[in-house]
Amino acid sequence: LSPWLLSLVGRILSCLPGIFLFLLATLLSAYLFSTREERLRSYLRKQLPEQWRDRLRTGGKRLKLTLKNYLKAELKLCSLTFGLLAVGLFFIRDFSFTAIPIALAIAIVDALPVFGSGTVLIPWAVYALMRGEQALAIGLGALYGVVVLLRSALEPRLIGRQLGLSPLVTLGALY
């Protein structure tokens, strides 16, 4: 174990200069861009034809509004997931003090792209099953099923309504 641990520490330490350099360059470029933002915008505006400027302005406004509405829909879905998980965890087992923080953590993971509530609930159910806690494993599996079904049913409707699209079109875009 010792040689492996020392080797791991050595590899981590050898990566630190590159990480530090990357962070430094990122911070420096962010600072320089932010201090000269208006100059850069003005230069870019001068390079574009007038028609393009109007289109870009309109497109930017639409993009901001669409992103805002999409985030509203996602926030509603996360709130629903959080509430469902909190109630479900409270009834599955006596998680009276920990149901809310656990539900919040799972809802945050659920909000991340690619990940979902199954990222936490499925391994937790498998672990409970391996420990011989069949009731907990079944409860977590059922809770996962309910969350997935409700989210799958409501996601196209909520996002479609917020973006002004048909739920069928939204469902196709989501999948």
N, C-alpha and C. Protein backbone atom coordinates (compact mmCIF):
# COMPACT_ATOMS: atom_id res chain seq x y z
N LEU A 1 0.82 -1.19 0.00
CA LEU A 1 0.00 0.00 0.00
C LEU A 1 0.87 1.26 0.00
N SER A 2 1.97 1.21 0.73
CA SER A 2 2.86 2.38 0.83
C SER A 2 3.43 2.81 -0.51
N PRO A 3 4.01 1.91 -1.30
CA PRO A 3 4.56 2.35 -2.59
C PRO A 3 3.47 2.93 -3.51
N TRP A 4 2.31 2.32 -3.51
CA TRP A 4 1.22 2.81 -4.35
C TRP A 4 0.80 4.21 -3.90
N LEU A 5 0.67 4.41 -2.59
CA LEU A 5 0.25 5.69 -2.05
C LEU A 5 1.29 6.77 -2.36
N LEU A 6 2.57 6.44 -2.20
CA LEU A 6 3.64 7.39 -2.51
C LEU A 6 3.65 7.74 -3.99
N SER A 7 3.42 6.74 -4.82
CA SER A 7 3.37 6.98 -6.26
C SER A 7 2.20 7.90 -6.61
N LEU A 8 1.05 7.67 -5.99
CA LEU A 8 -0.12 8.51 -6.21
C LEU A 8 0.15 9.96 -5.79
N VAL A 9 0.74 10.15 -4.63
CA VAL A 9 1.07 11.49 -4.15
C VAL A 9 2.05 12.16 -5.09
N GLY A 10 3.03 11.41 -5.58
CA GLY A 10 4.01 11.96 -6.53
C GLY A 10 3.35 12.42 -7.83
N ARG A 11 2.41 11.62 -8.33
CA ARG A 11 1.72 12.00 -9.57
C ARG A 11 0.87 13.24 -9.35
N ILE A 12 0.21 13.32 -8.22
CA ILE A 12 -0.62 14.50 -7.92
C ILE A 12 0.26 15.73 -7.83
N LEU A 13 1.38 15.63 -7.12
CA LEU A 13 2.28 16.77 -6.97
C LEU A 13 2.88 17.19 -8.30
N SER A 14 3.14 16.23 -9.18
CA SER A 14 3.72 16.58 -10.47
C SER A 14 2.71 17.31 -11.37
N CYS A 15 1.41 17.15 -11.11
CA CYS A 15 0.38 17.84 -11.89
C CYS A 15 0.13 19.26 -11.40
N LEU A 16 0.52 19.58 -10.18
CA LEU A 16 0.21 20.88 -9.60
C LEU A 16 0.76 22.08 -10.39
N PRO A 17 2.01 22.04 -10.88
CA PRO A 17 2.48 23.21 -11.65
C PRO A 17 1.63 23.48 -12.90
N GLY A 18 1.24 22.44 -13.60
CA GLY A 18 0.39 22.62 -14.79
C GLY A 18 -0.97 23.18 -14.43
N ILE A 19 -1.55 22.68 -13.35
CA ILE A 19 -2.85 23.19 -12.89
C ILE A 19 -2.72 24.65 -12.49
N PHE A 20 -1.67 24.98 -11.76
CA PHE A 20 -1.45 26.36 -11.32
C PHE A 20 -1.29 27.29 -12.52
N LEU A 21 -0.52 26.86 -13.51
CA LEU A 21 -0.31 27.66 -14.71
C LEU A 21 -1.62 27.87 -15.48
N PHE A 22 -2.41 26.82 -15.59
CA PHE A 22 -3.70 26.91 -16.27
C PHE A 22 -4.62 27.90 -15.54
N LEU A 23 -4.71 27.79 -14.21
CA LEU A 23 -5.55 28.70 -13.43
C LEU A 23 -5.08 30.15 -13.56
N LEU A 24 -3.78 30.34 -13.51
CA LEU A 24 -3.22 31.68 -13.63
C LEU A 24 -3.56 32.29 -15.00
N ALA A 25 -3.37 31.52 -16.07
CA ALA A 25 -3.67 32.01 -17.41
C ALA A 25 -5.17 32.28 -17.57
N THR A 26 -6.00 31.44 -16.99
CA THR A 26 -7.45 31.63 -17.06
C THR A 26 -7.86 32.91 -16.34
N LEU A 27 -7.36 33.10 -15.13
CA LEU A 27 -7.71 34.30 -14.37
C LEU A 27 -7.20 35.56 -15.05
N LEU A 28 -6.00 35.51 -15.56
CA LEU A 28 -5.43 36.67 -16.24
C LEU A 28 -6.22 37.01 -17.50
N SER A 29 -6.56 36.02 -18.30
CA SER A 29 -7.32 36.30 -19.52
C SER A 29 -8.73 36.78 -19.18
N ALA A 30 -9.35 36.24 -18.13
CA ALA A 30 -10.67 36.71 -17.72
C ALA A 30 -10.60 38.17 -17.29
N TYR A 31 -9.57 38.53 -16.57
CA TYR A 31 -9.40 39.92 -16.13
C TYR A 31 -9.21 40.84 -17.34
N LEU A 32 -8.33 40.44 -18.26
CA LEU A 32 -8.06 41.28 -19.42
C LEU A 32 -9.30 41.44 -20.31
N PHE A 33 -10.04 40.35 -20.50
CA PHE A 33 -11.26 40.45 -21.29
C PHE A 33 -12.28 41.35 -20.61
N SER A 34 -12.43 41.23 -19.30
CA SER A 34 -13.43 42.03 -18.60
C SER A 34 -13.07 43.51 -18.60
N THR A 35 -11.79 43.83 -18.53
CA THR A 35 -11.42 45.25 -18.53
C THR A 35 -11.53 45.88 -19.90
N ARG A 36 -11.44 45.08 -20.94
CA ARG A 36 -11.50 45.61 -22.30
C ARG A 36 -12.75 45.15 -23.05
N GLU A 37 -13.77 44.77 -22.32
CA GLU A 37 -14.97 44.22 -22.94
C GLU A 37 -15.62 45.21 -23.91
N GLU A 38 -15.79 46.44 -23.51
CA GLU A 38 -16.46 47.42 -24.37
C GLU A 38 -15.66 47.68 -25.65
N ARG A 39 -14.34 47.74 -25.53
CA ARG A 39 -13.50 47.92 -26.73
C ARG A 39 -13.67 46.75 -27.69
N LEU A 40 -13.67 45.53 -27.14
CA LEU A 40 -13.82 44.35 -27.98
C LEU A 40 -15.18 44.34 -28.67
N ARG A 41 -16.23 44.66 -27.91
CA ARG A 41 -17.57 44.71 -28.51
C ARG A 41 -17.64 45.75 -29.63
N SER A 42 -17.10 46.91 -29.35
CA SER A 42 -17.12 47.99 -30.34
C SER A 42 -16.35 47.58 -31.60
N TYR A 43 -15.21 46.94 -31.44
CA TYR A 43 -14.42 46.49 -32.58
C TYR A 43 -15.20 45.45 -33.38
N LEU A 44 -15.80 44.50 -32.68
CA LEU A 44 -16.56 43.46 -33.38
C LEU A 44 -17.78 44.04 -34.08
N ARG A 45 -18.45 45.01 -33.46
CA ARG A 45 -19.59 45.66 -34.09
C ARG A 45 -19.18 46.33 -35.40
N LYS A 46 -18.03 46.97 -35.40
CA LYS A 46 -17.57 47.67 -36.61
C LYS A 46 -17.24 46.70 -37.74
N GLN A 47 -16.87 45.47 -37.39
CA GLN A 47 -16.50 44.50 -38.40
C GLN A 47 -17.71 43.87 -39.09
N LEU A 48 -18.87 43.93 -38.45
CA LEU A 48 -20.07 43.29 -38.99
C LEU A 48 -20.92 44.27 -39.79
N PRO A 49 -21.57 43.79 -40.85
CA PRO A 49 -22.52 44.64 -41.58
C PRO A 49 -23.73 44.99 -40.67
N GLU A 50 -24.40 46.07 -40.97
CA GLU A 50 -25.52 46.57 -40.15
C GLU A 50 -26.62 45.52 -40.00
N GLN A 51 -26.95 44.80 -41.09
CA GLN A 51 -28.01 43.79 -41.04
C GLN A 51 -27.66 42.70 -40.03
N TRP A 52 -26.43 42.29 -40.00
CA TRP A 52 -25.99 41.24 -39.09
C TRP A 52 -26.09 41.71 -37.65
N ARG A 53 -25.74 42.96 -37.41
CA ARG A 53 -25.79 43.49 -36.05
C ARG A 53 -27.21 43.41 -35.50
N ASP A 54 -28.18 43.82 -36.32
CA ASP A 54 -29.57 43.77 -35.88
C ASP A 54 -30.00 42.32 -35.61
N ARG A 55 -29.63 41.43 -36.49
CA ARG A 55 -29.98 40.01 -36.32
C ARG A 55 -29.34 39.43 -35.07
N LEU A 56 -28.07 39.77 -34.85
CA LEU A 56 -27.39 39.27 -33.66
C LEU A 56 -28.02 39.83 -32.39
N ARG A 57 -28.39 41.09 -32.41
CA ARG A 57 -29.04 41.71 -31.25
C ARG A 57 -30.36 41.00 -30.94
N THR A 58 -31.16 40.81 -31.97
CA THR A 58 -32.45 40.14 -31.82
C THR A 58 -32.26 38.70 -31.37
N GLY A 59 -31.31 38.01 -32.00
CA GLY A 59 -31.03 36.63 -31.63
C GLY A 59 -30.53 36.51 -30.21
N GLY A 60 -29.70 37.45 -29.78
CA GLY A 60 -29.21 37.43 -28.40
C GLY A 60 -30.32 37.62 -27.40
N LYS A 61 -31.24 38.53 -27.69
CA LYS A 61 -32.39 38.75 -26.80
C LYS A 61 -33.25 37.50 -26.71
N ARG A 62 -33.50 36.88 -27.87
CA ARG A 62 -34.31 35.65 -27.88
C ARG A 62 -33.61 34.52 -27.12
N LEU A 63 -32.31 34.42 -27.31
CA LEU A 63 -31.55 33.38 -26.62
C LEU A 63 -31.61 33.57 -25.11
N LYS A 64 -31.46 34.80 -24.64
CA LYS A 64 -31.54 35.07 -23.21
C LYS A 64 -32.91 34.70 -22.66
N LEU A 65 -33.96 35.08 -23.38
CA LEU A 65 -35.32 34.78 -22.93
C LEU A 65 -35.57 33.27 -22.91
N THR A 66 -35.10 32.58 -23.94
CA THR A 66 -35.28 31.14 -24.01
C THR A 66 -34.54 30.44 -22.89
N LEU A 67 -33.30 30.84 -22.64
CA LEU A 67 -32.53 30.24 -21.54
C LEU A 67 -33.18 30.50 -20.20
N LYS A 68 -33.69 31.72 -20.01
CA LYS A 68 -34.37 32.06 -18.77
C LYS A 68 -35.60 31.16 -18.57
N ASN A 69 -36.40 31.00 -19.61
CA ASN A 69 -37.59 30.15 -19.52
C ASN A 69 -37.24 28.69 -19.31
N TYR A 70 -36.18 28.23 -19.96
CA TYR A 70 -35.73 26.85 -19.78
C TYR A 70 -35.29 26.62 -18.34
N LEU A 71 -34.53 27.56 -17.79
CA LEU A 71 -34.08 27.42 -16.41
C LEU A 71 -35.25 27.45 -15.43
N LYS A 72 -36.29 28.23 -15.73
CA LYS A 72 -37.50 28.23 -14.90
C LYS A 72 -38.14 26.84 -14.88
N ALA A 73 -38.26 26.24 -16.07
CA ALA A 73 -38.86 24.91 -16.16
C ALA A 73 -38.01 23.89 -15.41
N GLU A 74 -36.70 23.96 -15.56
CA GLU A 74 -35.82 23.03 -14.85
C GLU A 74 -35.91 23.22 -13.34
N LEU A 75 -36.03 24.45 -12.89
CA LEU A 75 -36.18 24.73 -11.47
C LEU A 75 -37.47 24.13 -10.94
N LYS A 76 -38.54 24.22 -11.71
CA LYS A 76 -39.81 23.60 -11.31
C LYS A 76 -39.65 22.09 -11.21
N LEU A 77 -38.98 21.49 -12.19
CA LEU A 77 -38.78 20.04 -12.17
C LEU A 77 -37.91 19.63 -10.99
N CYS A 78 -36.87 20.40 -10.70
CA CYS A 78 -36.00 20.08 -9.56
C CYS A 78 -36.76 20.22 -8.25
N SER A 79 -37.62 21.22 -8.16
CA SER A 79 -38.41 21.40 -6.95
C SER A 79 -39.36 20.23 -6.75
N LEU A 80 -39.98 19.79 -7.84
CA LEU A 80 -40.86 18.63 -7.78
C LEU A 80 -40.08 17.38 -7.35
N THR A 81 -38.93 17.19 -7.95
CA THR A 81 -38.09 16.04 -7.60
C THR A 81 -37.68 16.10 -6.14
N PHE A 82 -37.27 17.28 -5.69
CA PHE A 82 -36.87 17.45 -4.29
C PHE A 82 -38.02 17.11 -3.35
N GLY A 83 -39.20 17.65 -3.61
CA GLY A 83 -40.35 17.38 -2.74
C GLY A 83 -40.70 15.91 -2.71
N LEU A 84 -40.72 15.30 -3.88
CA LEU A 84 -41.04 13.88 -3.96
C LEU A 84 -40.02 13.03 -3.22
N LEU A 85 -38.74 13.35 -3.39
CA LEU A 85 -37.69 12.60 -2.70
C LEU A 85 -37.75 12.81 -1.20
N ALA A 86 -38.00 14.03 -0.75
CA ALA A 86 -38.07 14.31 0.69
C ALA A 86 -39.20 13.51 1.33
N VAL A 87 -40.37 13.55 0.72
CA VAL A 87 -41.51 12.80 1.27
C VAL A 87 -41.24 11.30 1.20
N GLY A 88 -40.73 10.86 0.06
CA GLY A 88 -40.45 9.43 -0.09
C GLY A 88 -39.42 8.93 0.90
N LEU A 89 -38.34 9.65 1.08
CA LEU A 89 -37.30 9.23 2.04
C LEU A 89 -37.83 9.25 3.47
N PHE A 90 -38.69 10.21 3.75
CA PHE A 90 -39.25 10.29 5.10
C PHE A 90 -40.10 9.06 5.40
N PHE A 91 -40.84 8.56 4.41
CA PHE A 91 -41.71 7.41 4.64
C PHE A 91 -41.00 6.07 4.47
N ILE A 92 -39.94 6.03 3.68
CA ILE A 92 -39.23 4.76 3.47
C ILE A 92 -38.61 4.28 4.77
N ARG A 93 -38.01 5.19 5.45
CA ARG A 93 -37.28 4.85 6.65
C ARG A 93 -37.27 6.09 7.54
N ASP A 94 -36.91 5.93 8.74
CA ASP A 94 -36.92 7.07 9.65
C ASP A 94 -35.74 7.99 9.37
N PHE A 95 -35.84 8.75 8.26
CA PHE A 95 -34.82 9.72 7.89
C PHE A 95 -35.28 11.12 8.32
N SER A 96 -35.94 11.21 9.46
CA SER A 96 -36.60 12.46 9.83
C SER A 96 -35.69 13.68 9.75
N PHE A 97 -34.46 13.57 10.22
CA PHE A 97 -33.56 14.72 10.21
C PHE A 97 -32.73 14.82 8.94
N THR A 98 -32.55 13.71 8.27
CA THR A 98 -31.67 13.71 7.10
C THR A 98 -32.40 13.64 5.77
N ALA A 99 -33.72 13.51 5.78
CA ALA A 99 -34.46 13.36 4.52
C ALA A 99 -34.30 14.60 3.63
N ILE A 100 -34.37 15.78 4.22
CA ILE A 100 -34.30 17.00 3.42
C ILE A 100 -32.91 17.22 2.82
N PRO A 101 -31.82 17.12 3.58
CA PRO A 101 -30.51 17.30 2.94
C PRO A 101 -30.20 16.23 1.89
N ILE A 102 -30.60 14.99 2.16
CA ILE A 102 -30.36 13.92 1.18
C ILE A 102 -31.18 14.19 -0.08
N ALA A 103 -32.45 14.57 0.08
CA ALA A 103 -33.30 14.87 -1.07
C ALA A 103 -32.74 16.05 -1.86
N LEU A 104 -32.23 17.05 -1.16
CA LEU A 104 -31.65 18.21 -1.84
C LEU A 104 -30.42 17.81 -2.65
N ALA A 105 -29.57 16.99 -2.07
CA ALA A 105 -28.36 16.53 -2.77
C ALA A 105 -28.74 15.72 -4.02
N ILE A 106 -29.72 14.84 -3.89
CA ILE A 106 -30.14 14.02 -5.03
C ILE A 106 -30.79 14.90 -6.10
N ALA A 107 -31.57 15.90 -5.68
CA ALA A 107 -32.21 16.81 -6.66
C ALA A 107 -31.16 17.62 -7.42
N ILE A 108 -30.10 18.00 -6.74
CA ILE A 108 -29.01 18.74 -7.42
C ILE A 108 -28.32 17.84 -8.44
N VAL A 109 -28.06 16.59 -8.06
CA VAL A 109 -27.45 15.64 -8.99
C VAL A 109 -28.39 15.40 -10.17
N ASP A 110 -29.70 15.35 -9.88
CA ASP A 110 -30.70 15.14 -10.92
C ASP A 110 -30.73 16.29 -11.91
N ALA A 111 -30.41 17.49 -11.45
CA ALA A 111 -30.43 18.67 -12.33
C ALA A 111 -29.23 18.71 -13.27
N LEU A 112 -28.17 18.00 -12.93
CA LEU A 112 -26.97 18.00 -13.78
C LEU A 112 -27.24 17.25 -15.07
N PRO A 113 -26.72 17.75 -16.19
CA PRO A 113 -26.89 17.00 -17.44
C PRO A 113 -26.20 15.64 -17.34
N VAL A 114 -26.77 14.66 -17.97
CA VAL A 114 -26.29 13.28 -18.04
C VAL A 114 -26.61 12.51 -16.76
N PHE A 115 -26.42 13.13 -15.60
CA PHE A 115 -26.71 12.45 -14.35
C PHE A 115 -28.21 12.52 -14.09
N GLY A 116 -28.66 11.75 -13.14
CA GLY A 116 -30.06 11.78 -12.75
C GLY A 116 -30.16 11.27 -11.33
N SER A 117 -31.38 11.15 -10.86
CA SER A 117 -31.56 10.68 -9.49
C SER A 117 -31.09 9.23 -9.34
N GLY A 118 -31.09 8.50 -10.44
CA GLY A 118 -30.61 7.12 -10.40
C GLY A 118 -29.13 7.00 -10.10
N THR A 119 -28.38 8.05 -10.33
CA THR A 119 -26.95 8.06 -10.02
C THR A 119 -26.72 7.84 -8.53
N VAL A 120 -27.66 8.29 -7.72
CA VAL A 120 -27.55 8.12 -6.27
C VAL A 120 -28.44 6.98 -5.79
N LEU A 121 -29.69 6.95 -6.25
CA LEU A 121 -30.67 6.00 -5.71
C LEU A 121 -30.37 4.54 -6.07
N ILE A 122 -29.93 4.28 -7.29
CA ILE A 122 -29.68 2.89 -7.70
C ILE A 122 -28.50 2.29 -6.93
N PRO A 123 -27.33 2.95 -6.87
CA PRO A 123 -26.25 2.36 -6.06
C PRO A 123 -26.63 2.23 -4.58
N TRP A 124 -27.38 3.18 -4.06
CA TRP A 124 -27.82 3.13 -2.68
C TRP A 124 -28.74 1.91 -2.46
N ALA A 125 -29.64 1.65 -3.40
CA ALA A 125 -30.54 0.50 -3.30
C ALA A 125 -29.75 -0.81 -3.39
N VAL A 126 -28.77 -0.86 -4.29
CA VAL A 126 -27.94 -2.07 -4.41
C VAL A 126 -27.15 -2.29 -3.13
N TYR A 127 -26.60 -1.23 -2.57
CA TYR A 127 -25.85 -1.33 -1.31
C TYR A 127 -26.75 -1.82 -0.18
N ALA A 128 -27.95 -1.27 -0.11
CA ALA A 128 -28.90 -1.70 0.93
C ALA A 128 -29.25 -3.17 0.75
N LEU A 129 -29.41 -3.58 -0.50
CA LEU A 129 -29.72 -4.99 -0.77
C LEU A 129 -28.57 -5.89 -0.34
N MET A 130 -27.34 -5.47 -0.60
CA MET A 130 -26.17 -6.26 -0.20
C MET A 130 -26.04 -6.33 1.32
N ARG A 131 -26.49 -5.30 2.01
CA ARG A 131 -26.44 -5.28 3.47
C ARG A 131 -27.59 -6.06 4.10
N GLY A 132 -28.51 -6.55 3.27
CA GLY A 132 -29.63 -7.32 3.78
C GLY A 132 -30.83 -6.47 4.16
N GLU A 133 -30.85 -5.22 3.75
CA GLU A 133 -31.98 -4.34 4.05
C GLU A 133 -32.91 -4.29 2.85
N GLN A 134 -33.66 -5.38 2.67
CA GLN A 134 -34.52 -5.50 1.49
C GLN A 134 -35.60 -4.42 1.45
N ALA A 135 -36.18 -4.08 2.58
CA ALA A 135 -37.25 -3.08 2.61
C ALA A 135 -36.73 -1.73 2.12
N LEU A 136 -35.56 -1.34 2.59
CA LEU A 136 -34.97 -0.08 2.15
C LEU A 136 -34.65 -0.12 0.65
N ALA A 137 -34.09 -1.24 0.18
CA ALA A 137 -33.75 -1.37 -1.23
C ALA A 137 -34.99 -1.29 -2.11
N ILE A 138 -36.06 -1.96 -1.71
CA ILE A 138 -37.30 -1.91 -2.48
C ILE A 138 -37.89 -0.51 -2.46
N GLY A 139 -37.85 0.12 -1.30
CA GLY A 139 -38.37 1.48 -1.17
C GLY A 139 -37.60 2.46 -2.04
N LEU A 140 -36.27 2.36 -2.05
CA LEU A 140 -35.45 3.25 -2.88
C LEU A 140 -35.69 2.99 -4.37
N GLY A 141 -35.84 1.72 -4.72
CA GLY A 141 -36.14 1.39 -6.11
C GLY A 141 -37.50 1.92 -6.55
N ALA A 142 -38.48 1.79 -5.68
CA ALA A 142 -39.82 2.31 -5.99
C ALA A 142 -39.79 3.84 -6.08
N LEU A 143 -39.08 4.47 -5.17
CA LEU A 143 -38.96 5.93 -5.19
C LEU A 143 -38.30 6.38 -6.48
N TYR A 144 -37.26 5.68 -6.90
CA TYR A 144 -36.60 6.01 -8.16
C TYR A 144 -37.57 5.87 -9.34
N GLY A 145 -38.35 4.79 -9.33
CA GLY A 145 -39.33 4.58 -10.40
C GLY A 145 -40.36 5.70 -10.47
N VAL A 146 -40.86 6.12 -9.31
CA VAL A 146 -41.86 7.19 -9.28
C VAL A 146 -41.24 8.51 -9.77
N VAL A 147 -40.03 8.81 -9.32
CA VAL A 147 -39.37 10.05 -9.73
C VAL A 147 -39.15 10.05 -11.24
N VAL A 148 -38.68 8.95 -11.78
CA VAL A 148 -38.41 8.88 -13.23
C VAL A 148 -39.70 9.00 -14.02
N LEU A 149 -40.75 8.30 -13.58
CA LEU A 149 -42.03 8.38 -14.30
C LEU A 149 -42.61 9.79 -14.28
N LEU A 150 -42.64 10.42 -13.12
CA LEU A 150 -43.19 11.76 -13.04
C LEU A 150 -42.35 12.76 -13.83
N ARG A 151 -41.05 12.65 -13.70
CA ARG A 151 -40.18 13.59 -14.42
C ARG A 151 -40.31 13.40 -15.94
N SER A 152 -40.36 12.15 -16.37
CA SER A 152 -40.50 11.87 -17.81
C SER A 152 -41.84 12.37 -18.35
N ALA A 153 -42.88 12.29 -17.53
CA ALA A 153 -44.20 12.73 -17.97
C ALA A 153 -44.30 14.26 -17.97
N LEU A 154 -43.71 14.91 -16.98
CA LEU A 154 -43.87 16.35 -16.84
C LEU A 154 -42.83 17.19 -17.58
N GLU A 155 -41.65 16.63 -17.81
CA GLU A 155 -40.56 17.40 -18.42
C GLU A 155 -40.94 17.97 -19.79
N PRO A 156 -41.48 17.19 -20.71
CA PRO A 156 -41.84 17.78 -22.02
C PRO A 156 -42.92 18.85 -21.90
N ARG A 157 -43.88 18.64 -21.00
CA ARG A 157 -44.97 19.62 -20.85
C ARG A 157 -44.45 20.93 -20.28
N LEU A 158 -43.66 20.85 -19.19
CA LEU A 158 -43.18 22.07 -18.55
C LEU A 158 -42.21 22.84 -19.45
N ILE A 159 -41.26 22.14 -20.01
CA ILE A 159 -40.27 22.81 -20.86
C ILE A 159 -40.94 23.33 -22.13
N GLY A 160 -41.83 22.54 -22.71
CA GLY A 160 -42.54 22.98 -23.91
C GLY A 160 -43.38 24.21 -23.64
N ARG A 161 -44.07 24.23 -22.50
CA ARG A 161 -44.89 25.39 -22.16
C ARG A 161 -44.02 26.63 -21.96
N GLN A 162 -42.90 26.47 -21.28
CA GLN A 162 -42.02 27.62 -21.03
C GLN A 162 -41.38 28.15 -22.31
N LEU A 163 -41.10 27.26 -23.26
CA LEU A 163 -40.44 27.67 -24.50
C LEU A 163 -41.44 27.97 -25.62
N GLY A 164 -42.72 27.69 -25.36
CA GLY A 164 -43.73 27.95 -26.38
C GLY A 164 -43.74 26.89 -27.47
N LEU A 165 -43.37 25.67 -27.12
CA LEU A 165 -43.35 24.58 -28.08
C LEU A 165 -44.39 23.53 -27.70
N SER A 166 -44.75 22.72 -28.67
CA SER A 166 -45.64 21.59 -28.41
C SER A 166 -44.91 20.57 -27.53
N PRO A 167 -45.61 19.91 -26.59
CA PRO A 167 -44.96 18.88 -25.77
C PRO A 167 -44.36 17.75 -26.62
N LEU A 168 -45.00 17.44 -27.75
CA LEU A 168 -44.49 16.39 -28.62
C LEU A 168 -43.16 16.80 -29.25
N VAL A 169 -43.07 18.04 -29.70
CA VAL A 169 -41.82 18.56 -30.27
C VAL A 169 -40.74 18.60 -29.19
N THR A 170 -41.12 19.03 -27.99
CA THR A 170 -40.17 19.08 -26.88
C THR A 170 -39.67 17.68 -26.53
N LEU A 171 -40.59 16.72 -26.49
CA LEU A 171 -40.21 15.34 -26.19
C LEU A 171 -39.20 14.83 -27.21
N GLY A 172 -39.45 15.10 -28.48
CA GLY A 172 -38.52 14.69 -29.53
C GLY A 172 -37.16 15.36 -29.36
N ALA A 173 -37.17 16.64 -29.01
CA ALA A 173 -35.91 17.38 -28.82
C ALA A 173 -35.15 16.86 -27.61
N LEU A 174 -35.86 16.49 -26.56
CA LEU A 174 -35.20 16.01 -25.34
C LEU A 174 -34.53 14.66 -25.57
N TYR A 175 -35.18 13.82 -26.37
CA TYR A 175 -34.63 12.47 -26.54
C TYR A 175 -33.93 12.32 -27.87
